[in-house]
Amino acid sequence: MKIIEYFSSGNKEHWKEQIALGDWSAAKFLVKLLNDTQKFDELLGVGGKLFLLVDGENIVSFVTLTRQDCVRDESMYPWLGFLYTYPDYRGNRYSEELLRYAEEQAISDNHLIVYLATDHYGLYEKYGYSYLETRKDYFNEDAKIYYKKL
């Protein structure tokens, strides 16, 4: 297995097809954003990254590292988002591996903190994230904001 960055990869169409296989509505939304890079940049910020943990030609897990996310606050960045692990690979801590990789990338970009927005309880705390607050997101739904000092 290895981690690649989608925008630097040579086979974007294949990876989009793989992302679309996810059984999560946000994965489908991510594919729409990848098909319209202007919309991706508008919603998530210019220069965003999408990391893929791959097993050969299959995606195991993916996560974004971006300037913005579904909670709009210019004072908070970078954001981790769209974290997803495919069902066949769950239970092996692959999402933790990918989170750690994205955190390392944030550190290399001179960030001391990362944020994420979620509707999950109890998932990100085990990875060292702390709850900050709940806000309305871009879609006017409640999003719990977590952060981690790097």
Protein backbone atom coordinates (compact mmCIF):
# COMPACT_ATOMS: atom_id res chain seq x y z
CA MET A 1 0.00 0.00 0.00
CA LYS A 2 1.05 3.57 -0.59
CA ILE A 3 -0.30 7.11 -0.25
CA ILE A 4 -0.62 9.28 -3.33
CA GLU A 5 -1.91 12.80 -3.87
CA TYR A 6 -4.81 12.86 -6.34
CA PHE A 7 -3.99 16.16 -8.06
CA SER A 8 -0.40 15.04 -8.68
CA SER A 9 -1.42 11.60 -9.91
CA GLY A 10 -1.40 10.63 -13.54
CA ASN A 11 -4.67 8.71 -13.50
CA LYS A 12 -7.33 11.07 -12.14
CA GLU A 13 -10.21 9.45 -14.05
CA HIS A 14 -9.48 6.05 -12.54
CA TRP A 15 -9.28 7.49 -9.02
CA LYS A 16 -12.54 9.42 -9.47
CA GLU A 17 -14.24 6.19 -10.51
CA GLN A 18 -12.85 4.51 -7.41
CA ILE A 19 -14.03 7.31 -5.13
CA ALA A 20 -17.49 7.08 -6.68
CA LEU A 21 -17.70 3.44 -5.56
CA GLY A 22 -17.95 4.60 -1.94
CA ASP A 23 -21.28 4.00 -0.22
CA TRP A 24 -21.29 7.51 1.26
CA SER A 25 -23.10 10.52 -0.19
CA ALA A 26 -20.13 12.79 0.56
CA ALA A 27 -17.94 10.61 -1.67
CA LYS A 28 -20.35 11.27 -4.52
CA PHE A 29 -20.24 14.99 -3.73
CA LEU A 30 -16.43 14.90 -3.74
CA VAL A 31 -16.48 13.37 -7.23
CA LYS A 32 -18.69 16.27 -8.40
CA LEU A 33 -16.16 18.72 -6.98
CA LEU A 34 -13.30 16.87 -8.66
CA ASN A 35 -15.16 17.10 -11.97
CA ASP A 36 -15.38 20.89 -11.54
CA THR A 37 -12.07 22.11 -10.14
CA GLN A 38 -13.38 25.68 -10.05
CA LYS A 39 -16.13 24.54 -7.66
CA PHE A 40 -13.59 22.51 -5.66
CA ASP A 41 -11.43 25.63 -5.25
CA GLU A 42 -14.47 27.78 -4.45
CA LEU A 43 -15.73 25.48 -1.70
CA LEU A 44 -12.47 24.10 -0.30
CA GLY A 45 -9.89 26.72 -1.23
CA VAL A 46 -7.19 26.91 -3.86
CA GLY A 47 -4.34 24.46 -3.45
CA GLY A 48 -6.30 21.77 -1.64
CA LYS A 49 -4.95 18.24 -1.54
CA LEU A 50 -6.65 14.87 -1.70
CA PHE A 51 -4.67 11.99 -0.27
CA LEU A 52 -5.46 8.45 -1.34
CA LEU A 53 -4.26 5.36 0.48
CA VAL A 54 -4.19 2.81 -2.32
CA ASP A 55 -3.77 -0.94 -2.57
CA GLY A 56 -2.70 -1.46 -6.17
CA GLU A 57 -5.48 0.06 -8.27
CA ASN A 58 -7.99 0.19 -5.39
CA ILE A 59 -8.52 3.01 -2.94
CA VAL A 60 -8.44 1.93 0.68
CA SER A 61 -9.12 5.32 2.23
CA PHE A 62 -9.07 9.02 1.33
CA VAL A 63 -8.96 12.42 3.04
CA THR A 64 -8.68 16.06 1.96
CA LEU A 65 -6.40 18.75 3.40
CA THR A 66 -7.81 22.12 2.39
CA ARG A 67 -8.01 25.81 3.26
CA GLN A 68 -11.78 25.63 3.82
CA ASP A 69 -14.44 23.05 4.57
CA CYS A 70 -18.17 22.97 5.14
CA VAL A 71 -17.80 25.38 8.08
CA ARG A 72 -16.87 28.77 6.70
CA ASP A 73 -14.35 30.58 8.89
CA GLU A 74 -11.28 32.15 7.30
CA SER A 75 -9.49 32.26 10.66
CA MET A 76 -9.54 28.45 10.93
CA TYR A 77 -7.36 26.37 8.60
CA PRO A 78 -6.27 23.94 7.35
CA TRP A 79 -9.18 21.51 7.40
CA LEU A 80 -9.21 17.76 7.09
CA GLY A 81 -12.32 16.48 5.36
CA PHE A 82 -14.00 13.73 3.42
CA LEU A 83 -12.29 11.04 5.50
CA TYR A 84 -13.56 7.69 4.30
CA THR A 85 -12.39 4.08 4.39
CA TYR A 86 -13.99 1.50 2.11
CA PRO A 87 -15.91 -1.28 3.92
CA ASP A 88 -13.57 -4.10 2.90
CA TYR A 89 -10.66 -2.30 4.58
CA ARG A 90 -12.30 -1.15 7.81
CA GLY A 91 -11.02 -2.30 11.17
CA ASN A 92 -7.34 -1.98 10.25
CA ARG A 93 -6.77 1.63 11.37
CA TYR A 94 -6.16 2.81 7.81
CA SER A 95 -8.04 6.06 8.44
CA GLU A 96 -5.66 6.76 11.32
CA GLU A 97 -2.68 6.14 9.02
CA LEU A 98 -4.08 8.56 6.47
CA LEU A 99 -4.94 11.19 9.10
CA ARG A 100 -1.38 11.03 10.42
CA TYR A 101 -0.03 11.49 6.90
CA ALA A 102 -2.27 14.54 6.30
CA GLU A 103 -1.22 15.97 9.67
CA GLU A 104 2.43 15.56 8.68
CA GLN A 105 1.71 17.41 5.45
CA ALA A 106 0.07 20.23 7.43
CA ILE A 107 3.16 20.43 9.65
CA SER A 108 5.41 20.59 6.59
CA ASP A 109 3.26 23.53 5.41
CA ASN A 110 4.01 25.25 8.75
CA HIS A 111 0.60 24.72 10.35
CA LEU A 112 0.41 24.14 14.10
CA ILE A 113 -3.22 23.06 14.22
CA VAL A 114 -5.76 21.28 11.99
CA TYR A 115 -9.55 21.33 12.08
CA LEU A 116 -12.28 19.00 10.98
CA ALA A 117 -16.06 19.16 10.92
CA THR A 118 -18.18 16.07 11.44
CA ASP A 119 -21.47 14.68 12.65
CA HIS A 120 -19.73 11.80 14.45
CA TYR A 121 -19.30 11.50 18.21
CA GLY A 122 -16.38 9.63 19.70
CA LEU A 123 -14.52 8.92 16.48
CA TYR A 124 -11.87 11.61 16.30
CA GLU A 125 -11.10 11.83 20.01
CA LYS A 126 -9.23 8.52 19.77
CA TYR A 127 -6.95 10.18 17.22
CA GLY A 128 -6.12 13.07 19.56
CA TYR A 129 -8.75 15.57 18.40
CA SER A 130 -10.62 17.81 20.82
CA TYR A 131 -14.15 19.10 20.44
CA LEU A 132 -14.31 22.88 19.94
CA GLU A 133 -17.95 23.74 19.22
CA THR A 134 -20.97 23.07 17.02
CA ARG A 135 -21.80 25.48 14.19
CA LYS A 136 -24.05 25.57 11.18
CA ASP A 137 -22.21 24.43 8.09
CA TYR A 138 -22.43 25.47 4.44
CA PHE A 139 -25.59 23.36 4.07
CA ASN A 140 -27.18 24.85 7.24
CA GLU A 141 -26.73 21.60 9.17
CA ASP A 142 -25.08 21.22 12.56
CA ALA A 143 -21.39 20.35 12.34
CA LYS A 144 -19.20 19.51 15.28
CA ILE A 145 -15.80 21.16 14.93
CA TYR A 146 -12.75 19.37 16.25
CA TYR A 147 -9.15 20.50 16.30
CA LYS A 148 -5.74 19.02 16.97
CA LYS A 149 -2.56 20.83 17.91
CA LEU A 150 0.30 19.40 15.89
